[in-house]
């Protein structure tokens, strides 16, 4: 017997008030899973976005500045 069938069998033996409580708990668990998946997806998109923004920066030729390039000299 699979888990869902075992749950259904045991659930049928409970009074209606406890069946509602089980339903509330199952809905709570489903919501928690959905929130975790949303956070995981958000993190993946943020990492992708950062990777795209940084793409090519390590190979970019950066100009070298000297003290003569500065307009003001800080002491």
N, C-alpha and C. Protein backbone atom coordinates (compact mmCIF):
# COMPACT_ATOMS: atom_id res chain seq x y z
N UNK A 1 0.85 -1.19 0.00
CA UNK A 1 0.00 0.00 0.00
C UNK A 1 0.89 1.24 0.00
N UNK A 2 0.59 2.21 -0.87
CA UNK A 2 1.40 3.42 -0.92
C UNK A 2 0.98 4.37 0.20
N UNK A 3 1.83 5.34 0.46
CA UNK A 3 1.62 6.25 1.58
C UNK A 3 0.28 6.96 1.50
N UNK A 4 -0.10 7.46 0.33
CA UNK A 4 -1.37 8.18 0.19
C UNK A 4 -2.55 7.29 0.56
N UNK A 5 -2.48 6.03 0.19
CA UNK A 5 -3.56 5.09 0.55
C UNK A 5 -3.58 4.84 2.05
N UNK A 6 -2.42 4.72 2.66
CA UNK A 6 -2.36 4.53 4.11
C UNK A 6 -2.94 5.73 4.84
N UNK A 7 -2.61 6.91 4.36
CA UNK A 7 -3.15 8.12 4.98
C UNK A 7 -4.67 8.16 4.83
N UNK A 8 -5.16 7.88 3.63
CA UNK A 8 -6.60 7.90 3.37
C UNK A 8 -7.33 6.90 4.25
N UNK A 9 -6.77 5.72 4.42
CA UNK A 9 -7.40 4.68 5.25
C UNK A 9 -7.50 5.13 6.70
N UNK A 10 -6.40 5.65 7.22
CA UNK A 10 -6.40 6.10 8.62
C UNK A 10 -7.27 7.33 8.80
N UNK A 11 -7.27 8.21 7.80
CA UNK A 11 -8.05 9.43 7.87
C UNK A 11 -9.55 9.14 7.96
N UNK A 12 -10.00 8.13 7.24
CA UNK A 12 -11.41 7.79 7.25
C UNK A 12 -11.88 7.31 8.62
N UNK A 13 -10.97 6.81 9.43
CA UNK A 13 -11.36 6.32 10.75
C UNK A 13 -11.42 7.43 11.80
N UNK A 14 -10.97 8.62 11.43
CA UNK A 14 -10.97 9.74 12.38
C UNK A 14 -12.30 10.49 12.32
N UNK A 15 -12.65 11.16 13.42
CA UNK A 15 -13.85 12.02 13.41
C UNK A 15 -13.63 13.21 12.45
N UNK A 16 -14.73 13.77 11.97
CA UNK A 16 -14.69 14.85 10.98
C UNK A 16 -13.84 16.03 11.46
N UNK A 17 -13.92 16.38 12.74
CA UNK A 17 -13.15 17.52 13.25
C UNK A 17 -11.64 17.27 13.10
N UNK A 18 -11.21 16.04 13.35
CA UNK A 18 -9.80 15.71 13.20
C UNK A 18 -9.41 15.61 11.72
N UNK A 19 -10.34 15.20 10.88
CA UNK A 19 -10.06 15.17 9.44
C UNK A 19 -9.79 16.59 8.93
N UNK A 20 -10.57 17.55 9.44
CA UNK A 20 -10.36 18.95 9.05
C UNK A 20 -8.99 19.43 9.54
N UNK A 21 -8.62 19.01 10.73
CA UNK A 21 -7.32 19.39 11.28
C UNK A 21 -6.18 18.82 10.43
N UNK A 22 -6.35 17.58 9.98
CA UNK A 22 -5.35 16.96 9.10
C UNK A 22 -5.28 17.74 7.79
N UNK A 23 -6.42 18.12 7.25
CA UNK A 23 -6.44 18.90 6.02
C UNK A 23 -5.71 20.23 6.21
N UNK A 24 -5.96 20.90 7.33
CA UNK A 24 -5.27 22.16 7.62
C UNK A 24 -3.76 21.95 7.65
N UNK A 25 -3.32 20.86 8.27
CA UNK A 25 -1.90 20.58 8.37
C UNK A 25 -1.29 20.29 6.99
N UNK A 26 -2.00 19.54 6.18
CA UNK A 26 -1.52 19.23 4.83
C UNK A 26 -1.40 20.53 4.02
N UNK A 27 -2.38 21.41 4.14
CA UNK A 27 -2.32 22.69 3.43
C UNK A 27 -1.16 23.54 3.93
N UNK A 28 -0.90 23.50 5.24
CA UNK A 28 0.24 24.21 5.81
C UNK A 28 1.55 23.69 5.20
N UNK A 29 1.69 22.37 5.13
CA UNK A 29 2.90 21.77 4.57
C UNK A 29 3.06 22.14 3.09
N UNK A 30 1.98 22.13 2.34
CA UNK A 30 2.02 22.49 0.92
C UNK A 30 2.45 23.94 0.75
N UNK A 31 1.96 24.81 1.61
CA UNK A 31 2.32 26.22 1.53
C UNK A 31 3.81 26.41 1.85
N UNK A 32 4.29 25.69 2.84
CA UNK A 32 5.70 25.78 3.22
C UNK A 32 6.60 25.32 2.07
N UNK A 33 6.23 24.24 1.41
CA UNK A 33 7.00 23.75 0.26
C UNK A 33 6.99 24.79 -0.85
N UNK A 34 5.84 25.38 -1.12
CA UNK A 34 5.73 26.39 -2.18
C UNK A 34 6.60 27.60 -1.87
N UNK A 35 6.64 28.02 -0.60
CA UNK A 35 7.47 29.16 -0.21
C UNK A 35 8.94 28.85 -0.39
N UNK A 36 9.35 27.64 -0.02
CA UNK A 36 10.76 27.25 -0.19
C UNK A 36 11.13 27.21 -1.66
N UNK A 37 10.24 26.71 -2.50
CA UNK A 37 10.51 26.67 -3.93
C UNK A 37 10.61 28.07 -4.50
N UNK A 38 9.77 28.98 -4.02
CA UNK A 38 9.80 30.36 -4.49
C UNK A 38 11.13 31.02 -4.11
N UNK A 39 11.57 30.80 -2.88
CA UNK A 39 12.85 31.36 -2.44
C UNK A 39 13.99 30.77 -3.25
N UNK A 40 13.93 29.48 -3.49
CA UNK A 40 14.97 28.82 -4.28
C UNK A 40 15.01 29.38 -5.70
N UNK A 41 13.85 29.59 -6.29
CA UNK A 41 13.79 30.14 -7.65
C UNK A 41 14.30 31.57 -7.67
N UNK A 42 13.95 32.36 -6.65
CA UNK A 42 14.43 33.73 -6.55
C UNK A 42 15.94 33.78 -6.46
N UNK A 43 16.50 32.88 -5.65
CA UNK A 43 17.95 32.82 -5.49
C UNK A 43 18.62 32.45 -6.82
N UNK A 44 18.05 31.50 -7.52
CA UNK A 44 18.61 31.09 -8.81
C UNK A 44 18.59 32.25 -9.80
N UNK A 45 17.49 33.00 -9.84
CA UNK A 45 17.41 34.15 -10.75
C UNK A 45 18.40 35.23 -10.35
N UNK A 46 18.57 35.46 -9.07
CA UNK A 46 19.52 36.48 -8.61
C UNK A 46 20.94 36.09 -8.99
N UNK A 47 21.28 34.82 -8.82
CA UNK A 47 22.61 34.35 -9.20
C UNK A 47 22.82 34.46 -10.72
N UNK A 48 21.80 34.11 -11.48
CA UNK A 48 21.88 34.23 -12.93
C UNK A 48 22.06 35.69 -13.34
N UNK A 49 21.29 36.57 -12.73
CA UNK A 49 21.36 37.98 -13.04
C UNK A 49 22.74 38.54 -12.75
N UNK A 50 23.28 38.18 -11.60
CA UNK A 50 24.62 38.65 -11.24
C UNK A 50 25.67 38.11 -12.21
N UNK A 51 25.54 36.84 -12.57
CA UNK A 51 26.49 36.24 -13.51
C UNK A 51 26.44 36.96 -14.86
N UNK A 52 25.23 37.31 -15.31
CA UNK A 52 25.09 38.02 -16.58
C UNK A 52 25.66 39.43 -16.49
N UNK A 53 25.46 40.08 -15.35
CA UNK A 53 25.97 41.44 -15.17
C UNK A 53 27.50 41.45 -15.12
N UNK A 54 28.09 40.41 -14.56
CA UNK A 54 29.54 40.35 -14.41
C UNK A 54 30.23 39.73 -15.63
N UNK A 55 29.45 39.23 -16.56
CA UNK A 55 29.98 38.53 -17.72
C UNK A 55 30.93 39.45 -18.51
N UNK A 56 32.12 38.98 -18.73
CA UNK A 56 33.09 39.71 -19.53
C UNK A 56 33.90 40.74 -18.77
N UNK A 57 33.54 41.02 -17.52
CA UNK A 57 34.29 42.04 -16.77
C UNK A 57 35.71 41.60 -16.46
N UNK A 58 35.93 40.31 -16.29
CA UNK A 58 37.27 39.84 -15.96
C UNK A 58 38.21 39.90 -17.15
N UNK A 59 37.69 39.96 -18.35
CA UNK A 59 38.54 40.02 -19.55
C UNK A 59 38.60 41.43 -20.13
N UNK A 60 37.88 42.34 -19.55
CA UNK A 60 37.84 43.70 -20.05
C UNK A 60 39.16 44.40 -19.78
N UNK A 61 39.68 45.13 -20.77
CA UNK A 61 40.91 45.88 -20.59
C UNK A 61 40.61 47.16 -19.83
N UNK A 62 41.05 47.21 -18.61
CA UNK A 62 40.81 48.38 -17.77
C UNK A 62 41.93 49.39 -17.99
N UNK A 63 41.57 50.66 -18.15
CA UNK A 63 42.62 51.66 -18.33
C UNK A 63 43.40 51.85 -17.03
N UNK A 64 44.67 52.13 -17.16
CA UNK A 64 45.48 52.39 -15.98
C UNK A 64 45.56 53.89 -15.78
N UNK A 65 45.28 54.34 -14.59
CA UNK A 65 45.31 55.75 -14.28
C UNK A 65 46.57 56.06 -13.49
N UNK A 66 47.11 57.22 -13.74
CA UNK A 66 48.27 57.67 -12.99
C UNK A 66 47.86 58.88 -12.17
N UNK A 67 48.79 59.34 -11.36
CA UNK A 67 48.51 60.51 -10.53
C UNK A 67 48.27 61.75 -11.41
N UNK A 68 48.87 61.78 -12.56
CA UNK A 68 48.70 62.91 -13.47
C UNK A 68 47.28 62.97 -14.02
N UNK A 69 46.57 61.86 -14.01
CA UNK A 69 45.20 61.83 -14.52
C UNK A 69 44.20 62.46 -13.54
N UNK A 70 44.60 62.64 -12.31
CA UNK A 70 43.69 63.18 -11.30
C UNK A 70 43.61 64.69 -11.41
N UNK A 71 42.41 65.23 -11.18
CA UNK A 71 42.23 66.67 -11.24
C UNK A 71 42.72 67.31 -9.94
N UNK A 72 42.48 66.64 -8.83
CA UNK A 72 42.92 67.14 -7.54
C UNK A 72 43.78 66.09 -6.88
N UNK A 73 44.73 66.54 -6.13
CA UNK A 73 45.59 65.61 -5.41
C UNK A 73 45.21 65.67 -3.94
N UNK A 74 44.87 64.52 -3.38
CA UNK A 74 44.45 64.43 -1.99
C UNK A 74 45.66 64.19 -1.11
N UNK A 75 45.73 64.91 -0.03
CA UNK A 75 46.86 64.75 0.89
C UNK A 75 46.42 64.07 2.15
